[in-house]
C-alpha atoms as a PDB file:
ATOM      1  CA  MET A   1       2.103 -15.845  -6.168  1.00  0.00           C
ATOM      2  CA  ALA A   2       1.527 -12.783  -3.996  1.00  0.00           C
ATOM      3  CA  ILE A   3      -1.108 -11.143  -6.212  1.00  0.00           C
ATOM      4  CA  ASP A   4      -3.108 -14.368  -6.273  1.00  0.00           C
ATOM      5  CA  ALA A   5      -2.854 -14.554  -2.478  1.00  0.00           C
ATOM      6  CA  LEU A   6      -4.079 -10.955  -2.139  1.00  0.00           C
ATOM      7  CA  GLN A   7      -6.995 -11.586  -4.493  1.00  0.00           C
ATOM      8  CA  GLU A   8      -7.953 -14.704  -2.570  1.00  0.00           C
ATOM      9  CA  MET A   9      -7.973 -12.682   0.667  1.00  0.00           C
ATOM     10  CA  ILE A  10     -10.171 -10.087  -1.041  1.00  0.00           C
ATOM     11  CA  ARG A  11     -12.519 -12.830  -2.199  1.00  0.00           C
ATOM     12  CA  LYS A  12     -12.782 -14.359   1.285  1.00  0.00           C
ATOM     13  CA  THR A  13     -13.481 -11.045   3.018  1.00  0.00           C
ATOM     14  CA  LYS A  14     -15.559  -9.669   0.115  1.00  0.00           C
ATOM     15  CA  ASN A  15     -13.607  -6.483   0.644  1.00  0.00           C
ATOM     16  CA  PRO A  16     -11.296  -5.121  -2.085  1.00  0.00           C
ATOM     17  CA  SER A  17      -9.726  -2.499   0.161  1.00  0.00           C
ATOM     18  CA  MET A  18      -6.444  -1.770   1.891  1.00  0.00           C
ATOM     19  CA  VAL A  19      -5.813   0.453   4.891  1.00  0.00           C
ATOM     20  CA  GLY A  20      -2.946   2.901   4.602  1.00  0.00           C
ATOM     21  CA  LEU A  21      -1.010   3.167   7.855  1.00  0.00           C
ATOM     22  CA  ASP A  22       0.164   6.771   7.568  1.00  0.00           C
ATOM     23  CA  PRO A  23       0.528   7.929  11.190  1.00  0.00           C
ATOM     24  CA  ILE A  24       0.525  11.689  11.823  1.00  0.00           C
ATOM     25  CA  LEU A  25       1.395  12.705  15.366  1.00  0.00           C
ATOM     26  CA  GLU A  26      -1.013  15.657  15.545  1.00  0.00           C
ATOM     27  CA  LEU A  27      -3.942  13.443  14.504  1.00  0.00           C
ATOM     28  CA  ILE A  28      -3.334  10.440  16.734  1.00  0.00           C
ATOM     29  CA  PRO A  29      -5.727  10.216  19.715  1.00  0.00           C
ATOM     30  CA  GLU A  30      -4.514  12.391  22.565  1.00  0.00           C
ATOM     31  CA  GLU A  31      -4.812   9.594  25.095  1.00  0.00           C
ATOM     32  CA  ILE A  32      -2.037   7.746  23.252  1.00  0.00           C
ATOM     33  CA  THR A  33       0.316  10.689  22.848  1.00  0.00           C
ATOM     34  CA  LYS A  34      -0.170  11.766  26.491  1.00  0.00           C
ATOM     35  CA  LYS A  35       0.768   8.283  27.654  1.00  0.00           C
ATOM     36  CA  THR A  36       3.905   7.988  25.515  1.00  0.00           C
ATOM     37  CA  ARG A  37       5.074  11.510  26.398  1.00  0.00           C
ATOM     38  CA  ALA A  38       4.606  10.742  30.089  1.00  0.00           C
ATOM     39  CA  GLU A  39       6.825   7.688  29.682  1.00  0.00           C
ATOM     40  CA  HIS A  40       9.474   9.070  27.317  1.00  0.00           C
ATOM     41  CA  GLY A  41       9.213  12.856  27.536  1.00  0.00           C
ATOM     42  CA  ASP A  42       9.002  15.126  24.519  1.00  0.00           C
ATOM     43  CA  THR A  43      11.238  12.878  22.427  1.00  0.00           C
ATOM     44  CA  LEU A  44      11.240  11.073  19.102  1.00  0.00           C
ATOM     45  CA  LYS A  45      10.946   7.867  21.122  1.00  0.00           C
ATOM     46  CA  ALA A  46       7.582   9.089  22.469  1.00  0.00           C
ATOM     47  CA  ALA A  47       6.370   9.877  18.949  1.00  0.00           C
ATOM     48  CA  ALA A  48       7.578   6.534  17.592  1.00  0.00           C
ATOM     49  CA  GLU A  49       5.885   4.640  20.410  1.00  0.00           C
ATOM     50  CA  ALA A  50       2.646   6.534  19.714  1.00  0.00           C
ATOM     51  CA  TYR A  51       2.885   5.490  16.057  1.00  0.00           C
ATOM     52  CA  ARG A  52       3.452   1.868  17.039  1.00  0.00           C
ATOM     53  CA  ILE A  53       0.555   1.737  19.497  1.00  0.00           C
ATOM     54  CA  PHE A  54      -1.880   3.502  17.187  1.00  0.00           C
ATOM     55  CA  CYS A  55      -1.047   1.426  14.110  1.00  0.00           C
ATOM     56  CA  CYS A  56      -1.203  -1.849  16.002  1.00  0.00           C
ATOM     57  CA  GLU A  57      -4.567  -0.872  17.490  1.00  0.00           C
ATOM     58  CA  MET A  58      -5.826  -0.065  14.002  1.00  0.00           C
ATOM     59  CA  LEU A  59      -4.652  -3.464  12.781  1.00  0.00           C
ATOM     60  CA  ASP A  60      -6.507  -5.110  15.671  1.00  0.00           C
ATOM     61  CA  ALA A  61      -9.682  -3.114  15.005  1.00  0.00           C
ATOM     62  CA  LEU A  62      -9.749  -3.882  11.272  1.00  0.00           C
ATOM     63  CA  HIS A  63      -8.621  -7.501  11.485  1.00  0.00           C
ATOM     64  CA  GLY A  64     -10.990  -9.799   9.625  1.00  0.00           C
ATOM     65  CA  THR A  65     -12.655  -6.913   7.794  1.00  0.00           C
ATOM     66  CA  VAL A  66      -9.818  -5.327   5.818  1.00  0.00           C
ATOM     67  CA  PRO A  67      -7.494  -7.868   4.181  1.00  0.00           C
ATOM     68  CA  ALA A  68      -4.481  -5.685   3.418  1.00  0.00           C
ATOM     69  CA  ALA A  69      -2.361  -2.930   4.941  1.00  0.00           C
ATOM     70  CA  LYS A  70       0.056  -0.444   3.380  1.00  0.00           C
ATOM     71  CA  VAL A  71       2.794   0.894   5.641  1.00  0.00           C
ATOM     72  CA  GLN A  72       4.094   4.342   4.705  1.00  0.00           C
ATOM     73  CA  THR A  73       7.799   4.145   5.452  1.00  0.00           C
ATOM     74  CA  GLY A  74       8.303   7.908   5.199  1.00  0.00           C
ATOM     75  CA  CYS A  75       6.110   8.597   8.239  1.00  0.00           C
ATOM     76  CA  PHE A  76       8.234   6.315  10.393  1.00  0.00           C
ATOM     77  CA  GLN A  77      11.624   7.213   8.906  1.00  0.00           C
ATOM     78  CA  ALA A  78      10.943  10.885   9.656  1.00  0.00           C
ATOM     79  CA  LEU A  79      11.403   9.987  13.351  1.00  0.00           C
ATOM     80  CA  GLY A  80      14.893   8.575  12.848  1.00  0.00           C
ATOM     81  CA  PHE A  81      16.028   5.207  14.168  1.00  0.00           C
ATOM     82  CA  GLU A  82      13.266   5.156  16.808  1.00  0.00           C
ATOM     83  CA  GLY A  83      10.668   5.434  14.062  1.00  0.00           C
ATOM     84  CA  VAL A  84      12.282   2.680  12.000  1.00  0.00           C
ATOM     85  CA  ALA A  85      12.254   0.398  15.046  1.00  0.00           C
ATOM     86  CA  ALA A  86       8.538   1.120  15.533  1.00  0.00           C
ATOM     87  CA  MET A  87       7.895   0.396  11.846  1.00  0.00           C
ATOM     88  CA  GLU A  88       9.612  -2.980  12.141  1.00  0.00           C
ATOM     89  CA  GLN A  89       7.265  -3.884  14.982  1.00  0.00           C
ATOM     90  CA  VAL A  90       4.182  -2.726  13.056  1.00  0.00           C
ATOM     91  CA  LEU A  91       5.209  -4.764  10.005  1.00  0.00           C
ATOM     92  CA  ALA A  92       5.818  -7.865  12.097  1.00  0.00           C
ATOM     93  CA  TYR A  93       2.470  -7.479  13.861  1.00  0.00           C
ATOM     94  CA  ALA A  94       0.579  -7.015  10.590  1.00  0.00           C
ATOM     95  CA  LYS A  95       2.135 -10.212   9.235  1.00  0.00           C
ATOM     96  CA  GLU A  96       1.378 -12.030  12.492  1.00  0.00           C
ATOM     97  CA  LEU A  97      -2.301 -11.114  12.137  1.00  0.00           C
ATOM     98  CA  GLY A  98      -2.354 -12.388   8.558  1.00  0.00           C
ATOM     99  CA  TYR A  99      -2.618  -9.151   6.603  1.00  0.00           C
ATOM    100  CA  TYR A 100      -1.219  -8.811   3.104  1.00  0.00           C
ATOM    101  CA  VAL A 101       1.432  -6.150   3.745  1.00  0.00           C
ATOM    102  CA  LEU A 102       2.685  -3.573   1.258  1.00  0.00           C
ATOM    103  CA  MET A 103       5.672  -1.388   2.141  1.00  0.00           C
ATOM    104  CA  ASP A 104       5.276   2.002   0.499  1.00  0.00           C
ATOM    105  CA  THR A 105       8.895   3.022  -0.090  1.00  0.00           C
ATOM    106  CA  MET A 106       8.202   5.617  -2.829  1.00  0.00           C
ATOM    107  CA  ARG A 107      11.779   5.502  -3.962  1.00  0.00           C
ATOM    108  CA  GLY A 108      13.949   4.407  -6.847  1.00  0.00           C
ATOM    109  CA  ASP A 109      17.572   3.378  -6.493  1.00  0.00           C
ATOM    110  CA  VAL A 110      20.569   2.325  -8.542  1.00  0.00           C
ATOM    111  CA  ASP A 111      21.136  -1.385  -8.852  1.00  0.00           C
ATOM    112  CA  CYS A 112      23.456  -1.855  -5.864  1.00  0.00           C
ATOM    113  CA  THR A 113      21.152   0.049  -3.501  1.00  0.00           C
ATOM    114  CA  ALA A 114      18.059  -1.657  -4.887  1.00  0.00           C
ATOM    115  CA  GLU A 115      19.739  -5.000  -4.310  1.00  0.00           C
ATOM    116  CA  ALA A 116      20.396  -4.141  -0.659  1.00  0.00           C
ATOM    117  CA  LEU A 117      16.791  -3.018  -0.178  1.00  0.00           C
ATOM    118  CA  ALA A 118      15.375  -6.084  -1.931  1.00  0.00           C
ATOM    119  CA  GLN A 119      17.341  -8.308   0.435  1.00  0.00           C
ATOM    120  CA  ALA A 120      16.133  -6.351   3.479  1.00  0.00           C
ATOM    121  CA  TYR A 121      12.478  -6.542   2.385  1.00  0.00           C
ATOM    122  CA  PHE A 122      12.327  -9.961   0.751  1.00  0.00           C
ATOM    123  CA  GLY A 123      15.453 -12.082   0.858  1.00  0.00           C
ATOM    124  CA  GLY A 124      17.036 -11.474   4.231  1.00  0.00           C
ATOM    125  CA  VAL A 125      20.304  -9.890   5.355  1.00  0.00           C
ATOM    126  CA  THR A 126      22.999 -12.421   6.253  1.00  0.00           C
ATOM    127  CA  VAL A 127      25.382 -11.637   9.096  1.00  0.00           C
ATOM    128  CA  GLY A 128      27.861 -14.454   9.643  1.00  0.00           C
ATOM    129  CA  GLU A 129      25.828 -17.629   9.985  1.00  0.00           C
ATOM    130  CA  LYS A 130      22.475 -15.930  10.586  1.00  0.00           C
ATOM    131  CA  THR A 131      19.984 -14.341   8.197  1.00  0.00           C
ATOM    132  CA  TRP A 132      17.661 -11.556   9.338  1.00  0.00           C
ATOM    133  CA  LEU A 133      14.514 -10.175   7.724  1.00  0.00           C
ATOM    134  CA  PRO A 134      14.150  -6.693   9.265  1.00  0.00           C
ATOM    135  CA  TYR A 135      11.131  -5.592   7.211  1.00  0.00           C
ATOM    136  CA  PRO A 136       8.708  -8.520   6.720  1.00  0.00           C
ATOM    137  CA  CYS A 137       6.218  -7.749   3.960  1.00  0.00           C
ATOM    138  CA  ASP A 138       4.574  -9.192   0.858  1.00  0.00           C
ATOM    139  CA  ALA A 139       5.257  -6.338  -1.545  1.00  0.00           C
ATOM    140  CA  VAL A 140       7.009  -3.018  -1.977  1.00  0.00           C
ATOM    141  CA  MET A 141       5.918   0.174  -3.699  1.00  0.00           C
ATOM    142  CA  THR A 142       8.643   1.825  -5.747  1.00  0.00           C
ATOM    143  CA  ASN A 143       9.024   3.738  -9.006  1.00  0.00           C
ATOM    144  CA  GLY A 144      10.454   2.844 -12.366  1.00  0.00           C
ATOM    145  CA  TYR A 145      12.146   6.117 -13.268  1.00  0.00           C
ATOM    146  CA  LEU A 146      15.620   4.624 -12.877  1.00  0.00           C
ATOM    147  CA  GLY A 147      14.629   1.848 -15.261  1.00  0.00           C
ATOM    148  CA  SER A 148      15.245  -1.841 -14.762  1.00  0.00           C
ATOM    149  CA  ASP A 149      18.289  -1.292 -12.496  1.00  0.00           C
ATOM    150  CA  GLY A 150      15.953  -0.237  -9.694  1.00  0.00           C
ATOM    151  CA  ILE A 151      13.318  -2.912 -10.339  1.00  0.00           C
ATOM    152  CA  MET A 152      14.979  -6.201 -11.284  1.00  0.00           C
ATOM    153  CA  PRO A 153      16.530  -6.824  -7.840  1.00  0.00           C
ATOM    154  CA  PHE A 154      12.962  -6.946  -6.496  1.00  0.00           C
ATOM    155  CA  THR A 155      11.283  -8.863  -9.297  1.00  0.00           C
ATOM    156  CA  ARG A 156      13.531 -11.872  -8.912  1.00  0.00           C
ATOM    157  CA  PHE A 157      11.648 -12.543  -5.674  1.00  0.00           C
ATOM    158  CA  CYS A 158       8.295 -12.595  -7.465  1.00  0.00           C
ATOM    159  CA  LYS A 159       8.553 -16.341  -7.985  1.00  0.00           C
ATOM    160  CA  GLU A 160       9.074 -16.730  -4.245  1.00  0.00           C
ATOM    161  CA  GLY A 161       5.722 -15.262  -3.220  1.00  0.00           C
ATOM    162  CA  LYS A 162       6.507 -11.526  -3.342  1.00  0.00           C
ATOM    163  CA  ASN A 163       5.435  -8.732  -5.669  1.00  0.00           C
ATOM    164  CA  VAL A 164       6.242  -5.161  -6.684  1.00  0.00           C
ATOM    165  CA  PHE A 165       4.047  -2.095  -7.252  1.00  0.00           C
ATOM    166  CA  LEU A 166       5.241   0.701  -9.530  1.00  0.00           C
ATOM    167  CA  LEU A 167       4.023   4.287  -9.373  1.00  0.00           C
ATOM    168  CA  ALA A 168       2.167   5.102 -12.580  1.00  0.00           C
ATOM    169  CA  LYS A 169      -0.673   7.643 -12.220  1.00  0.00           C
ATOM    170  CA  THR A 170      -0.718   8.905  -8.641  1.00  0.00           C
ATOM    171  CA  SER A 171      -3.494  10.640  -6.728  1.00  0.00           C
ATOM    172  CA  ASN A 172      -1.728  13.866  -5.724  1.00  0.00           C
ATOM    173  CA  LYS A 173      -2.867  17.056  -7.449  1.00  0.00           C
ATOM    174  CA  SER A 174       0.443  17.871  -9.127  1.00  0.00           C
ATOM    175  CA  SER A 175       0.892  14.406 -10.658  1.00  0.00           C
ATOM    176  CA  ARG A 176      -0.066  15.818 -14.043  1.00  0.00           C
ATOM    177  CA  GLU A 177       3.032  18.040 -14.053  1.00  0.00           C
ATOM    178  CA  VAL A 178       5.137  14.994 -14.870  1.00  0.00           C
ATOM    179  CA  GLN A 179       2.978  11.919 -15.316  1.00  0.00           C
ATOM    180  CA  ASP A 180       0.648  13.389 -17.970  1.00  0.00           C
ATOM    181  CA  ILE A 181       3.431  14.640 -20.254  1.00  0.00           C
ATOM    182  CA  LEU A 182       3.160  13.169 -23.745  1.00  0.00           C
ATOM    183  CA  VAL A 183       6.207  11.397 -25.150  1.00  0.00           C
ATOM    184  CA  GLY A 184       5.829   9.807 -28.566  1.00  0.00           C
ATOM    185  CA  GLY A 185       2.048   9.750 -28.243  1.00  0.00           C
ATOM    186  CA  ARG A 186       2.052   8.191 -24.780  1.00  0.00           C
ATOM    187  CA  ASN A 187       1.715   9.730 -21.337  1.00  0.00           C
ATOM    188  CA  ILE A 188       4.593   9.126 -18.949  1.00  0.00           C
ATOM    189  CA  TYR A 189       2.342   6.945 -16.802  1.00  0.00           C
ATOM    190  CA  GLN A 190       1.609   4.768 -19.828  1.00  0.00           C
ATOM    191  CA  ILE A 191       5.311   4.332 -20.478  1.00  0.00           C
ATOM    192  CA  ILE A 192       5.713   3.030 -16.911  1.00  0.00           C
ATOM    193  CA  MET A 193       2.824   0.621 -17.459  1.00  0.00           C
ATOM    194  CA  ASP A 194       4.305  -0.552 -20.748  1.00  0.00           C
ATOM    195  CA  LEU A 195       7.571  -1.228 -18.928  1.00  0.00           C
ATOM    196  CA  ALA A 196       5.682  -3.165 -16.266  1.00  0.00           C
ATOM    197  CA  MET A 197       4.264  -5.377 -19.005  1.00  0.00           C
ATOM    198  CA  ARG A 198       7.684  -5.805 -20.606  1.00  0.00           C
ATOM    199  CA  TRP A 199       9.307  -6.747 -17.304  1.00  0.00           C
ATOM    200  CA  SER A 200       6.533  -9.180 -16.371  1.00  0.00           C
ATOM    201  CA  LEU A 201       7.595 -11.948 -18.752  1.00  0.00           C
ATOM    202  CA  ASP A 202       6.310 -15.169 -17.093  1.00  0.00           C
ATOM    203  CA  MET A 203       5.268 -13.532 -13.815  1.00  0.00           C
ATOM    204  CA  TYR A 204       1.529 -14.098 -14.221  1.00  0.00           C
ATOM    205  CA  GLY A 205      -0.685 -15.722 -11.622  1.00  0.00           C
ATOM    206  CA  GLN A 206      -3.705 -17.986 -11.920  1.00  0.00           C
ATOM    207  CA  LYS A 207      -6.071 -15.034 -12.381  1.00  0.00           C
ATOM    208  CA  GLY A 208      -3.931 -13.743 -15.237  1.00  0.00           C
ATOM    209  CA  TYR A 209      -2.433 -10.738 -13.426  1.00  0.00           C
ATOM    210  CA  SER A 210       1.258  -9.911 -13.275  1.00  0.00           C
ATOM    211  CA  GLU A 211       3.266  -9.849 -10.060  1.00  0.00           C
ATOM    212  CA  ILE A 212       4.494  -6.444 -11.217  1.00  0.00           C
ATOM    213  CA  ALA A 213       1.527  -4.230 -10.374  1.00  0.00           C
ATOM    214  CA  VAL A 214       0.916  -0.478 -10.755  1.00  0.00           C
ATOM    215  CA  ALA A 215      -0.651   2.380  -8.825  1.00  0.00           C
ATOM    216  CA  VAL A 216      -3.409   4.146 -10.784  1.00  0.00           C
ATOM    217  CA  SER A 217      -5.429   6.738  -8.884  1.00  0.00           C
ATOM    218  CA  GLY A 218      -9.149   6.540  -8.265  1.00  0.00           C
ATOM    219  CA  ASN A 219      -9.621  10.299  -8.389  1.00  0.00           C
ATOM    220  CA  HIS A 220      -8.899  10.193 -12.125  1.00  0.00           C
ATOM    221  CA  PRO A 221     -11.723   7.769 -13.032  1.00  0.00           C
ATOM    222  CA  LYS A 222     -11.530   8.291 -16.804  1.00  0.00           C
ATOM    223  CA  VAL A 223      -7.831   7.472 -16.782  1.00  0.00           C
ATOM    224  CA  LEU A 224      -8.490   4.473 -14.526  1.00  0.00           C
ATOM    225  CA  GLN A 225     -11.173   3.157 -16.867  1.00  0.00           C
ATOM    226  CA  GLU A 226      -9.003   3.557 -19.953  1.00  0.00           C
ATOM    227  CA  MET A 227      -5.965   1.977 -18.292  1.00  0.00           C
ATOM    228  CA  ARG A 228      -8.025  -1.012 -17.132  1.00  0.00           C
ATOM    229  CA  ARG A 229      -9.099  -1.524 -20.734  1.00  0.00           C
ATOM    230  CA  GLN A 230      -5.579  -1.215 -22.136  1.00  0.00           C
ATOM    231  CA  TYR A 231      -3.674  -3.107 -19.441  1.00  0.00           C
ATOM    232  CA  ASP A 232      -5.911  -6.011 -18.592  1.00  0.00           C
ATOM    233  CA  ARG A 233      -3.037  -8.073 -17.157  1.00  0.00           C
ATOM    234  CA  LEU A 234      -1.739  -5.509 -14.688  1.00  0.00           C
ATOM    235  CA  PHE A 235      -3.080  -5.491 -11.131  1.00  0.00           C
ATOM    236  CA  PHE A 236      -3.953  -1.978  -9.894  1.00  0.00           C
ATOM    237  CA  LEU A 237      -3.447  -0.381  -6.522  1.00  0.00           C
ATOM    238  CA  VAL A 238      -6.054   2.391  -6.525  1.00  0.00           C
ATOM    239  CA  PRO A 239      -5.254   5.287  -4.157  1.00  0.00           C
ATOM    240  CA  GLY A 240      -7.287   8.466  -3.721  1.00  0.00           C
ATOM    241  CA  TYR A 241     -10.371   7.080  -1.964  1.00  0.00           C
ATOM    242  CA  GLY A 242     -11.884   9.152   0.829  1.00  0.00           C
ATOM    243  CA  ALA A 243      -9.806  12.144   1.884  1.00  0.00           C
ATOM    244  CA  GLN A 244      -8.616  12.732  -1.680  1.00  0.00           C
ATOM    245  CA  GLY A 245     -12.103  12.719  -3.106  1.00  0.00           C
ATOM    246  CA  ALA A 246     -12.656   9.394  -4.861  1.00  0.00           C
ATOM    247  CA  ASN A 247     -15.619   7.152  -4.046  1.00  0.00           C
ATOM    248  CA  GLY A 248     -16.979   3.754  -5.034  1.00  0.00           C
ATOM    249  CA  ARG A 249     -18.366   5.039  -8.312  1.00  0.00           C
ATOM    250  CA  ASP A 250     -14.897   6.298  -9.299  1.00  0.00           C
ATOM    251  CA  VAL A 251     -12.789   3.333  -8.237  1.00  0.00           C
ATOM    252  CA  GLN A 252     -15.060   0.684  -9.798  1.00  0.00           C
ATOM    253  CA  TYR A 253     -13.202   1.161 -13.080  1.00  0.00           C
ATOM    254  CA  GLY A 254     -10.075  -0.449 -11.674  1.00  0.00           C
ATOM    255  CA  PHE A 255     -11.736  -3.875 -11.504  1.00  0.00           C
ATOM    256  CA  ASP A 256     -12.532  -6.473 -14.110  1.00  0.00           C
ATOM    257  CA  ARG A 257     -16.063  -7.865 -14.457  1.00  0.00           C
ATOM    258  CA  TYR A 258     -15.379 -10.581 -11.875  1.00  0.00           C
ATOM    259  CA  GLY A 259     -14.257  -8.115  -9.201  1.00  0.00           C
ATOM    260  CA  TYR A 260     -10.582  -8.949  -9.615  1.00  0.00           C
ATOM    261  CA  GLY A 261      -7.630  -6.865 -10.713  1.00  0.00           C
ATOM    262  CA  ALA A 262      -7.518  -4.111  -8.087  1.00  0.00           C
ATOM    263  CA  VAL A 263      -7.391  -3.114  -4.436  1.00  0.00           C
ATOM    264  CA  VAL A 264      -8.477   0.331  -3.205  1.00  0.00           C
ATOM    265  CA  CYS A 265      -6.367   2.065  -0.566  1.00  0.00           C
ATOM    266  CA  ALA A 266      -7.485   4.635   2.001  1.00  0.00           C
ATOM    267  CA  GLY A 267      -5.647   5.994   5.009  1.00  0.00           C
ATOM    268  CA  ARG A 268      -6.844   9.199   6.668  1.00  0.00           C
ATOM    269  CA  SER A 269     -10.554   8.568   6.102  1.00  0.00           C
ATOM    270  CA  ILE A 270     -10.235   5.352   8.145  1.00  0.00           C
ATOM    271  CA  LEU A 271      -7.518   6.098  10.694  1.00  0.00           C
ATOM    272  CA  TYR A 272      -8.867   9.466  11.745  1.00  0.00           C
ATOM    273  CA  ALA A 273     -12.595   8.901  11.269  1.00  0.00           C
ATOM    274  CA  PHE A 274     -13.107   9.645  14.968  1.00  0.00           C
ATOM    275  CA  ARG A 275     -12.148  13.271  14.360  1.00  0.00           C
ATOM    276  CA  LYS A 276     -15.221  13.779  12.192  1.00  0.00           C
ATOM    277  CA  THR A 277     -17.677  12.060  14.503  1.00  0.00           C
ATOM    278  CA  GLY A 278     -16.338  13.325  17.819  1.00  0.00           C
ATOM    279  CA  ASP A 279     -16.588   9.783  19.177  1.00  0.00           C
ATOM    280  CA  THR A 280     -13.841   8.884  21.650  1.00  0.00           C
ATOM    281  CA  ASP A 281     -13.900   5.229  20.555  1.00  0.00           C
ATOM    282  CA  TYR A 282     -11.449   5.756  17.684  1.00  0.00           C
ATOM    283  CA  LYS A 283     -11.089   2.035  16.988  1.00  0.00           C
ATOM    284  CA  LYS A 284     -14.822   1.568  16.446  1.00  0.00           C
ATOM    285  CA  CYS A 285     -14.900   4.685  14.271  1.00  0.00           C
ATOM    286  CA  ALA A 286     -12.106   3.254  12.112  1.00  0.00           C
ATOM    287  CA  LEU A 287     -13.947  -0.046  11.727  1.00  0.00           C
ATOM    288  CA  ASP A 288     -17.204   1.728  10.871  1.00  0.00           C
ATOM    289  CA  ALA A 289     -15.409   3.828   8.244  1.00  0.00           C
ATOM    290  CA  ALA A 290     -13.753   0.732   6.755  1.00  0.00           C
ATOM    291  CA  GLU A 291     -17.104  -1.048   6.561  1.00  0.00           C
ATOM    292  CA  ARG A 292     -18.718   1.955   4.874  1.00  0.00           C
ATOM    293  CA  MET A 293     -15.873   2.029   2.366  1.00  0.00           C
ATOM    294  CA  ARG A 294     -16.295  -1.685   1.681  1.00  0.00           C
ATOM    295  CA  ASP A 295     -20.052  -1.329   1.209  1.00  0.00           C
ATOM    296  CA  ASP A 296     -19.619   1.703  -1.043  1.00  0.00           C
ATOM    297  CA  ILE A 297     -17.148  -0.070  -3.335  1.00  0.00           C
ATOM    298  CA  CYS A 298     -19.162  -3.292  -3.357  1.00  0.00           C
ATOM    299  CA  SER A 299     -22.295  -1.410  -4.392  1.00  0.00           C
ATOM    300  CA  TYR A 300     -20.504  -0.962  -7.746  1.00  0.00           C
ATOM    301  CA  VAL A 301     -18.160  -3.975  -7.803  1.00  0.00           C
ATOM    302  CA  THR A 302     -19.191  -7.588  -7.301  1.00  0.00           C
ATOM    303  CA  VAL A 303     -16.403  -9.714  -5.822  1.00  0.00           C
ATOM    304  CA  LEU A 304     -17.040 -13.281  -6.945  1.00  0.00           C
END
């Protein structure tokens, strides 16, 4: 079970955090972008190669400290086929190093499209006598607004060591415009979480958490606390730490009393920590930031 595997990795590293690989060309160290532009000119290939190098260096720097990585597909797809090729290499390298890998797709699709994506991420795409897995990962992030048509093609892989995260209460400022709307006495985000419970059926791991997990933001700590109380069998991905304002005190409410049930994700505050310190050793700065994040969270949460 993928959620059990993630929680075991958290327990071994004593670090309930995940690094978000969200590469932004303007923020990547200049020494990388100068090199790739010298080799490939001012092209999308140069940008994609910069993304690949930077993300792989971050994975090297954080290896053994941070147990999980989230790859933001939109950043790579924005560069066209060159970006997708770079993303494939980053995913493969993260898996090679032993990270739990979440693909953040942020999309919902009709059943036929969802089926094609589920095969590409989890099952494999068969061409003649060969089967290819272009996007190796442990989990995908999607949304439930198309209902079960967009989710069931993924959940059938949950018994094969994969899992799915659904968007529920996100960390962006305008999330309340849709997610906080009341329908029949429930917020929209609660309806998504209720559906996650309904779809879970027998998909529960040894720690009692479903393989269908949800994203509940850390910069809404009261919501996080209430949702943890109401949905004690749903595993939470907790975004919003660092650049979006949440800290260890806020995100503690995503965990149960044994330190299980959640993983906290941060991207910019780790990847681009060197920009605040002025230190040219961007890999060390990222590691230092990840360790500070770990220590901050663990000052409120005890991982047994």
